C-alpha atoms as a PDB file:
ATOM      1  CA  ALA A   1     107.782  10.793  72.123  1.00  0.00           C
ATOM      2  CA  LEU A   2     108.382   7.261  70.987  1.00  0.00           C
ATOM      3  CA  THR A   3     104.862   6.058  71.847  1.00  0.00           C
ATOM      4  CA  ALA A   4     101.553   7.776  72.569  1.00  0.00           C
ATOM      5  CA  GLU A   5     101.782   6.632  76.201  1.00  0.00           C
ATOM      6  CA  GLN A   6     104.990   8.649  76.659  1.00  0.00           C
ATOM      7  CA  ILE A   7     103.293  11.968  75.883  1.00  0.00           C
ATOM      8  CA  ASP A   8     102.515  14.074  78.935  1.00  0.00           C
ATOM      9  CA  PRO A   9      98.792  13.547  79.722  1.00  0.00           C
ATOM     10  CA  ALA A  10      98.459  17.261  80.540  1.00  0.00           C
ATOM     11  CA  ALA A  11      99.668  18.122  77.019  1.00  0.00           C
ATOM     12  CA  VAL A  12      97.143  15.710  75.497  1.00  0.00           C
ATOM     13  CA  GLU A  13      94.325  17.201  77.584  1.00  0.00           C
ATOM     14  CA  ARG A  14      95.393  20.719  76.602  1.00  0.00           C
ATOM     15  CA  GLU A  15      95.352  19.787  72.895  1.00  0.00           C
ATOM     16  CA  LYS A  16      92.007  18.014  73.330  1.00  0.00           C
ATOM     17  CA  ALA A  17      90.524  21.147  74.945  1.00  0.00           C
ATOM     18  CA  ILE A  18      91.801  23.332  72.096  1.00  0.00           C
ATOM     19  CA  PHE A  19      90.423  20.948  69.459  1.00  0.00           C
ATOM     20  CA  SER A  20      87.111  20.729  71.303  1.00  0.00           C
ATOM     21  CA  ASP A  21      86.751  24.521  71.494  1.00  0.00           C
ATOM     22  CA  GLN A  22      87.563  24.850  67.796  1.00  0.00           C
ATOM     23  CA  ALA A  23      85.025  22.157  66.908  1.00  0.00           C
ATOM     24  CA  ARG A  24      82.284  23.719  69.074  1.00  0.00           C
ATOM     25  CA  GLN A  25      82.684  27.011  67.201  1.00  0.00           C
ATOM     26  CA  THR A  26      81.431  25.248  64.064  1.00  0.00           C
ATOM     27  CA  GLY A  27      78.012  24.794  65.714  1.00  0.00           C
ATOM     28  CA  LYS A  28      77.772  21.103  64.824  1.00  0.00           C
ATOM     29  CA  PRO A  29      76.110  18.434  67.006  1.00  0.00           C
ATOM     30  CA  GLU A  30      78.065  16.987  69.950  1.00  0.00           C
ATOM     31  CA  ALA A  31      78.443  13.558  68.292  1.00  0.00           C
ATOM     32  CA  ILE A  32      80.119  15.132  65.267  1.00  0.00           C
ATOM     33  CA  ILE A  33      82.281  17.321  67.512  1.00  0.00           C
ATOM     34  CA  GLU A  34      83.580  14.191  69.276  1.00  0.00           C
ATOM     35  CA  LYS A  35      84.509  12.638  65.918  1.00  0.00           C
ATOM     36  CA  MET A  36      86.250  15.867  64.861  1.00  0.00           C
ATOM     37  CA  VAL A  37      88.250  15.947  68.102  1.00  0.00           C
ATOM     38  CA  GLU A  38      89.230  12.272  67.682  1.00  0.00           C
ATOM     39  CA  GLY A  39      90.434  12.959  64.144  1.00  0.00           C
ATOM     40  CA  ARG A  40      92.457  15.999  65.172  1.00  0.00           C
ATOM     41  CA  LEU A  41      93.930  14.094  68.116  1.00  0.00           C
ATOM     42  CA  ARG A  42      94.934  11.289  65.731  1.00  0.00           C
ATOM     43  CA  LYS A  43      96.678  13.930  63.559  1.00  0.00           C
ATOM     44  CA  PHE A  44      98.398  15.315  66.673  1.00  0.00           C
ATOM     45  CA  TYR A  45      99.752  11.849  67.496  1.00  0.00           C
ATOM     46  CA  GLU A  46     100.963  11.419  63.900  1.00  0.00           C
ATOM     47  CA  GLU A  47     103.017  14.585  64.338  1.00  0.00           C
ATOM     48  CA  VAL A  48     104.528  14.002  67.788  1.00  0.00           C
ATOM     49  CA  VAL A  49     104.744  10.196  68.186  1.00  0.00           C
ATOM     50  CA  LEU A  50     107.642   8.594  66.306  1.00  0.00           C
ATOM     51  CA  LEU A  51     105.898   5.247  65.742  1.00  0.00           C
ATOM     52  CA  LYS A  52     102.856   7.019  64.235  1.00  0.00           C
ATOM     53  CA  GLN A  53     104.893   9.171  61.829  1.00  0.00           C
ATOM     54  CA  ALA A  54     105.332   8.389  58.135  1.00  0.00           C
ATOM     55  CA  PHE A  55     108.375   6.224  57.429  1.00  0.00           C
ATOM     56  CA  VAL A  56     111.037   8.264  55.619  1.00  0.00           C
ATOM     57  CA  LEU A  57     111.891   5.585  53.054  1.00  0.00           C
ATOM     58  CA  ASN A  58     108.224   4.834  52.299  1.00  0.00           C
ATOM     59  CA  PRO A  59     105.815   7.617  53.370  1.00  0.00           C
ATOM     60  CA  ASP A  60     102.810   5.367  52.639  1.00  0.00           C
ATOM     61  CA  ILE A  61     103.472   3.397  55.848  1.00  0.00           C
ATOM     62  CA  THR A  62     104.169   4.387  59.448  1.00  0.00           C
ATOM     63  CA  VAL A  63     107.397   3.772  61.359  1.00  0.00           C
ATOM     64  CA  GLU A  64     105.460   1.224  63.433  1.00  0.00           C
ATOM     65  CA  LYS A  65     104.464  -0.729  60.293  1.00  0.00           C
ATOM     66  CA  ALA A  66     108.039  -0.560  58.951  1.00  0.00           C
ATOM     67  CA  LEU A  67     109.292  -1.943  62.267  1.00  0.00           C
ATOM     68  CA  LYS A  68     106.787  -4.830  62.131  1.00  0.00           C
ATOM     69  CA  ASP A  69     107.819  -5.551  58.532  1.00  0.00           C
ATOM     70  CA  ALA A  70     111.472  -5.606  59.635  1.00  0.00           C
ATOM     71  CA  GLU A  71     110.584  -8.055  62.431  1.00  0.00           C
ATOM     72  CA  LYS A  72     108.984 -10.401  59.893  1.00  0.00           C
ATOM     73  CA  GLU A  73     111.975 -10.053  57.572  1.00  0.00           C
ATOM     74  CA  ILE A  74     114.589 -10.877  60.216  1.00  0.00           C
ATOM     75  CA  GLY A  75     112.397 -13.369  62.054  1.00  0.00           C
ATOM     76  CA  ALA A  76     113.036 -11.849  65.466  1.00  0.00           C
ATOM     77  CA  PRO A  77     111.458  -9.175  67.628  1.00  0.00           C
ATOM     78  CA  ALA A  78     112.749  -5.639  67.150  1.00  0.00           C
ATOM     79  CA  LYS A  79     112.085  -2.453  69.050  1.00  0.00           C
ATOM     80  CA  ILE A  80     113.235   1.135  69.044  1.00  0.00           C
ATOM     81  CA  SER A  81     114.715   1.869  72.441  1.00  0.00           C
ATOM     82  CA  ALA A  82     115.999   5.394  71.772  1.00  0.00           C
ATOM     83  CA  TYR A  83     116.307   7.896  68.968  1.00  0.00           C
ATOM     84  CA  LEU A  84     117.834  11.265  68.124  1.00  0.00           C
ATOM     85  CA  ARG A  85     115.904  14.083  66.529  1.00  0.00           C
ATOM     86  CA  PHE A  86     117.559  16.367  64.005  1.00  0.00           C
ATOM     87  CA  ALA A  87     115.912  19.472  62.609  1.00  0.00           C
ATOM     88  CA  LEU A  88     116.727  20.639  59.115  1.00  0.00           C
ATOM     89  CA  GLY A  89     119.650  23.052  59.379  1.00  0.00           C
ATOM     90  CA  GLU A  90     120.200  22.333  63.067  1.00  0.00           C
ATOM     91  CA  GLY A  91     123.800  22.901  64.136  1.00  0.00           C
ATOM     92  CA  ILE A  92     124.653  24.998  61.107  1.00  0.00           C
ATOM     93  CA  GLU A  93     126.107  28.351  62.041  1.00  0.00           C
ATOM     94  CA  LYS A  94     125.475  31.100  59.553  1.00  0.00           C
ATOM     95  CA  GLU A  95     128.465  33.362  59.099  1.00  0.00           C
ATOM     96  CA  THR A  96     127.483  36.996  59.487  1.00  0.00           C
ATOM     97  CA  THR A  97     129.491  39.388  57.392  1.00  0.00           C
ATOM     98  CA  ASP A  98     129.485  43.101  56.844  1.00  0.00           C
ATOM     99  CA  PHE A  99     129.173  43.625  53.094  1.00  0.00           C
ATOM    100  CA  ALA A 100     130.405  47.225  53.280  1.00  0.00           C
ATOM    101  CA  ALA A 101     133.558  46.138  55.154  1.00  0.00           C
ATOM    102  CA  GLU A 102     134.197  43.397  52.569  1.00  0.00           C
ATOM    103  CA  VAL A 103     133.932  45.905  49.719  1.00  0.00           C
ATOM    104  CA  ALA A 104     136.230  48.373  51.530  1.00  0.00           C
ATOM    105  CA  ALA A 105     138.797  45.617  52.129  1.00  0.00           C
ATOM    106  CA  ALA A 106     138.638  44.552  48.470  1.00  0.00           C
ATOM    107  CA  VAL A 107     139.117  48.153  47.275  1.00  0.00           C
ATOM    108  CA  LYS A 108     142.227  48.581  49.469  1.00  0.00           C
ATOM    109  CA  LYS A 109     143.884  45.569  47.793  1.00  0.00           C
END
C-alpha cells in the first residue's frame, strides 16, 4: 500500500489481534501490552506501507521524508501516484537441466 489508509482495515485488525495475543502471553500489565501492540503495529506499517519504508538511497530516512525533501528542493509539491513492486529474482526463469543427459551427450561427441 502507498499509505496506511490504503491497507485493508480487516488486515490491520487481524494483525492487531495477533500482536495483542502475543503480548498477553508475556503476562505484562495491560498498559504495557498496549504499548507493545502499538510498536509492533508501527513495525508492520514500516514493512507494508511504501511511504513508511526506508528510502533505498538513504536507509536512515523514510520514503515520505525523501519525498518532502524533494519537494523543498524543487520548490513544488510532489506526490507518488503509483508504483511497481519488484521482488529480487522475480521474472527470472531458472533453466532446468538433466546433468546425466548432458554428460551422455558430451560423451557421444
